[in-house]
Amino acid sequence: MPSIKIKGMNCQHCVASVTDALQKIAGISEVKVVLEKGEATFQTDKPVADEVIRQAIKEIGFTCE
């Protein structure tokens, strides 16, 4: 399962925002965000460019490692 480290999350609202943003990307499913790890994991049904994921995270105010 692919994963990405996310900086700036500090509450469950942040987790919900990241989950929602990733689920809106075509080809991504089964998103799981773990606040304590600062990490999101997800399934991809088709190839998704890393830049698409990073941009979606950036647009909601977080950064990716």
N, C-alpha and C. Protein backbone atom coordinates (compact mmCIF):
# COMPACT_ATOMS: atom_id res chain seq x y z
N MET A 1 0.84 -1.18 0.00
CA MET A 1 0.00 0.00 0.00
C MET A 1 0.89 1.25 0.00
N PRO A 2 0.74 2.13 -0.96
CA PRO A 2 1.55 3.35 -0.97
C PRO A 2 1.25 4.22 0.26
N SER A 3 2.24 5.00 0.66
CA SER A 3 2.03 5.92 1.79
C SER A 3 2.78 7.21 1.52
N ILE A 4 2.38 8.24 2.27
CA ILE A 4 3.02 9.54 2.16
C ILE A 4 3.05 10.17 3.54
N LYS A 5 4.17 10.78 3.89
CA LYS A 5 4.31 11.49 5.15
C LYS A 5 3.76 12.89 4.98
N ILE A 6 3.00 13.35 5.98
CA ILE A 6 2.35 14.65 5.90
C ILE A 6 2.69 15.46 7.14
N LYS A 7 3.15 16.68 6.93
CA LYS A 7 3.51 17.58 8.04
C LYS A 7 2.38 18.57 8.27
N GLY A 8 2.15 18.90 9.54
CA GLY A 8 1.21 19.95 9.89
C GLY A 8 -0.11 19.46 10.46
N MET A 9 -0.36 18.17 10.47
CA MET A 9 -1.60 17.65 11.03
C MET A 9 -1.49 17.63 12.56
N ASN A 10 -2.55 18.11 13.25
CA ASN A 10 -2.49 18.09 14.71
C ASN A 10 -3.82 17.75 15.38
N CYS A 11 -4.84 17.37 14.59
CA CYS A 11 -6.13 17.01 15.19
C CYS A 11 -6.91 16.11 14.24
N GLN A 12 -8.05 15.63 14.71
CA GLN A 12 -8.87 14.75 13.89
C GLN A 12 -9.51 15.48 12.71
N HIS A 13 -9.70 16.79 12.85
CA HIS A 13 -10.20 17.57 11.71
C HIS A 13 -9.17 17.55 10.58
N CYS A 14 -7.90 17.64 10.93
CA CYS A 14 -6.83 17.54 9.94
C CYS A 14 -6.87 16.18 9.23
N VAL A 15 -7.05 15.13 10.01
CA VAL A 15 -7.13 13.78 9.46
C VAL A 15 -8.29 13.69 8.48
N ALA A 16 -9.43 14.23 8.85
CA ALA A 16 -10.61 14.20 7.98
C ALA A 16 -10.36 14.99 6.69
N SER A 17 -9.69 16.13 6.80
CA SER A 17 -9.41 16.95 5.62
C SER A 17 -8.49 16.23 4.65
N VAL A 18 -7.44 15.59 5.18
CA VAL A 18 -6.51 14.85 4.33
C VAL A 18 -7.22 13.65 3.70
N THR A 19 -7.99 12.94 4.49
CA THR A 19 -8.73 11.79 3.96
C THR A 19 -9.63 12.21 2.82
N ASP A 20 -10.38 13.27 3.02
CA ASP A 20 -11.30 13.77 1.99
C ASP A 20 -10.55 14.19 0.73
N ALA A 21 -9.45 14.91 0.90
CA ALA A 21 -8.68 15.37 -0.25
C ALA A 21 -8.14 14.21 -1.07
N LEU A 22 -7.63 13.18 -0.39
CA LEU A 22 -7.09 12.03 -1.11
C LEU A 22 -8.18 11.20 -1.78
N GLN A 23 -9.33 11.07 -1.13
CA GLN A 23 -10.42 10.29 -1.71
C GLN A 23 -10.99 10.95 -2.96
N LYS A 24 -10.80 12.24 -3.13
CA LYS A 24 -11.30 12.96 -4.30
C LYS A 24 -10.42 12.75 -5.53
N ILE A 25 -9.24 12.19 -5.34
CA ILE A 25 -8.33 11.96 -6.46
C ILE A 25 -8.75 10.69 -7.18
N ALA A 26 -8.96 10.81 -8.48
CA ALA A 26 -9.35 9.65 -9.29
C ALA A 26 -8.27 8.58 -9.21
N GLY A 27 -8.68 7.37 -8.88
CA GLY A 27 -7.75 6.25 -8.81
C GLY A 27 -7.30 5.89 -7.40
N ILE A 28 -7.64 6.73 -6.42
CA ILE A 28 -7.26 6.45 -5.03
C ILE A 28 -8.48 5.95 -4.26
N SER A 29 -8.26 4.91 -3.46
CA SER A 29 -9.33 4.37 -2.61
C SER A 29 -8.72 3.89 -1.30
N GLU A 30 -9.56 3.51 -0.37
CA GLU A 30 -9.13 2.95 0.92
C GLU A 30 -8.07 3.82 1.61
N VAL A 31 -8.39 5.07 1.81
CA VAL A 31 -7.46 6.00 2.46
C VAL A 31 -7.49 5.80 3.97
N LYS A 32 -6.31 5.74 4.58
CA LYS A 32 -6.19 5.68 6.03
C LYS A 32 -5.12 6.68 6.46
N VAL A 33 -5.52 7.62 7.32
CA VAL A 33 -4.60 8.64 7.80
C VAL A 33 -4.37 8.42 9.29
N VAL A 34 -3.11 8.35 9.69
CA VAL A 34 -2.75 8.13 11.09
C VAL A 34 -2.08 9.40 11.62
N LEU A 35 -2.79 10.10 12.48
CA LEU A 35 -2.30 11.37 13.02
C LEU A 35 -0.97 11.21 13.73
N GLU A 36 -0.87 10.21 14.59
CA GLU A 36 0.33 10.00 15.40
C GLU A 36 1.58 9.75 14.55
N LYS A 37 1.42 9.15 13.41
CA LYS A 37 2.54 8.88 12.52
C LYS A 37 2.75 10.00 11.50
N GLY A 38 1.74 10.86 11.34
CA GLY A 38 1.81 11.89 10.31
C GLY A 38 1.90 11.26 8.94
N GLU A 39 1.05 10.26 8.72
CA GLU A 39 1.16 9.47 7.50
C GLU A 39 -0.20 9.08 6.95
N ALA A 40 -0.29 9.04 5.63
CA ALA A 40 -1.49 8.56 4.96
C ALA A 40 -1.11 7.38 4.09
N THR A 41 -1.92 6.33 4.14
CA THR A 41 -1.75 5.19 3.25
C THR A 41 -3.02 5.08 2.42
N PHE A 42 -2.88 4.48 1.24
CA PHE A 42 -4.02 4.40 0.33
C PHE A 42 -3.80 3.32 -0.70
N GLN A 43 -4.88 2.88 -1.30
CA GLN A 43 -4.83 1.95 -2.42
C GLN A 43 -4.98 2.76 -3.69
N THR A 44 -4.36 2.30 -4.76
CA THR A 44 -4.55 2.93 -6.06
C THR A 44 -5.15 1.92 -7.03
N ASP A 45 -6.22 2.33 -7.67
CA ASP A 45 -6.88 1.48 -8.67
C ASP A 45 -6.22 1.63 -10.03
N LYS A 46 -5.52 2.74 -10.20
CA LYS A 46 -4.77 3.02 -11.42
C LYS A 46 -3.61 3.93 -11.01
N PRO A 47 -2.59 4.05 -11.85
CA PRO A 47 -1.45 4.89 -11.49
C PRO A 47 -1.85 6.35 -11.21
N VAL A 48 -1.32 6.89 -10.12
CA VAL A 48 -1.55 8.28 -9.75
C VAL A 48 -0.19 8.93 -9.54
N ALA A 49 0.06 10.03 -10.24
CA ALA A 49 1.34 10.72 -10.13
C ALA A 49 1.53 11.28 -8.72
N ASP A 50 2.75 11.16 -8.22
CA ASP A 50 3.07 11.69 -6.89
C ASP A 50 2.73 13.17 -6.80
N GLU A 51 2.98 13.91 -7.88
CA GLU A 51 2.73 15.35 -7.88
C GLU A 51 1.25 15.67 -7.69
N VAL A 52 0.37 14.83 -8.19
CA VAL A 52 -1.07 15.03 -8.01
C VAL A 52 -1.42 14.90 -6.53
N ILE A 53 -0.86 13.92 -5.88
CA ILE A 53 -1.11 13.69 -4.46
C ILE A 53 -0.54 14.85 -3.64
N ARG A 54 0.71 15.22 -3.92
CA ARG A 54 1.34 16.32 -3.19
C ARG A 54 0.58 17.63 -3.35
N GLN A 55 0.09 17.90 -4.55
CA GLN A 55 -0.65 19.13 -4.80
C GLN A 55 -1.97 19.14 -4.02
N ALA A 56 -2.65 18.01 -3.97
CA ALA A 56 -3.91 17.92 -3.23
C ALA A 56 -3.68 18.20 -1.74
N ILE A 57 -2.59 17.69 -1.20
CA ILE A 57 -2.24 17.93 0.20
C ILE A 57 -1.88 19.40 0.43
N LYS A 58 -1.10 19.94 -0.50
CA LYS A 58 -0.69 21.35 -0.39
C LYS A 58 -1.90 22.29 -0.43
N GLU A 59 -2.86 21.99 -1.28
CA GLU A 59 -4.04 22.84 -1.44
C GLU A 59 -4.88 22.94 -0.17
N ILE A 60 -4.77 21.97 0.74
CA ILE A 60 -5.54 22.05 1.99
C ILE A 60 -4.67 22.51 3.16
N GLY A 61 -3.45 22.97 2.86
CA GLY A 61 -2.64 23.61 3.88
C GLY A 61 -1.59 22.77 4.58
N PHE A 62 -1.29 21.59 4.06
CA PHE A 62 -0.28 20.73 4.65
C PHE A 62 0.87 20.55 3.69
N THR A 63 1.98 19.99 4.17
CA THR A 63 3.11 19.70 3.31
C THR A 63 3.46 18.23 3.40
N CYS A 64 4.07 17.73 2.33
CA CYS A 64 4.48 16.34 2.28
C CYS A 64 5.99 16.26 2.43
N GLU A 65 6.43 15.20 3.08
CA GLU A 65 7.89 14.98 3.22
C GLU A 65 8.40 14.24 2.03
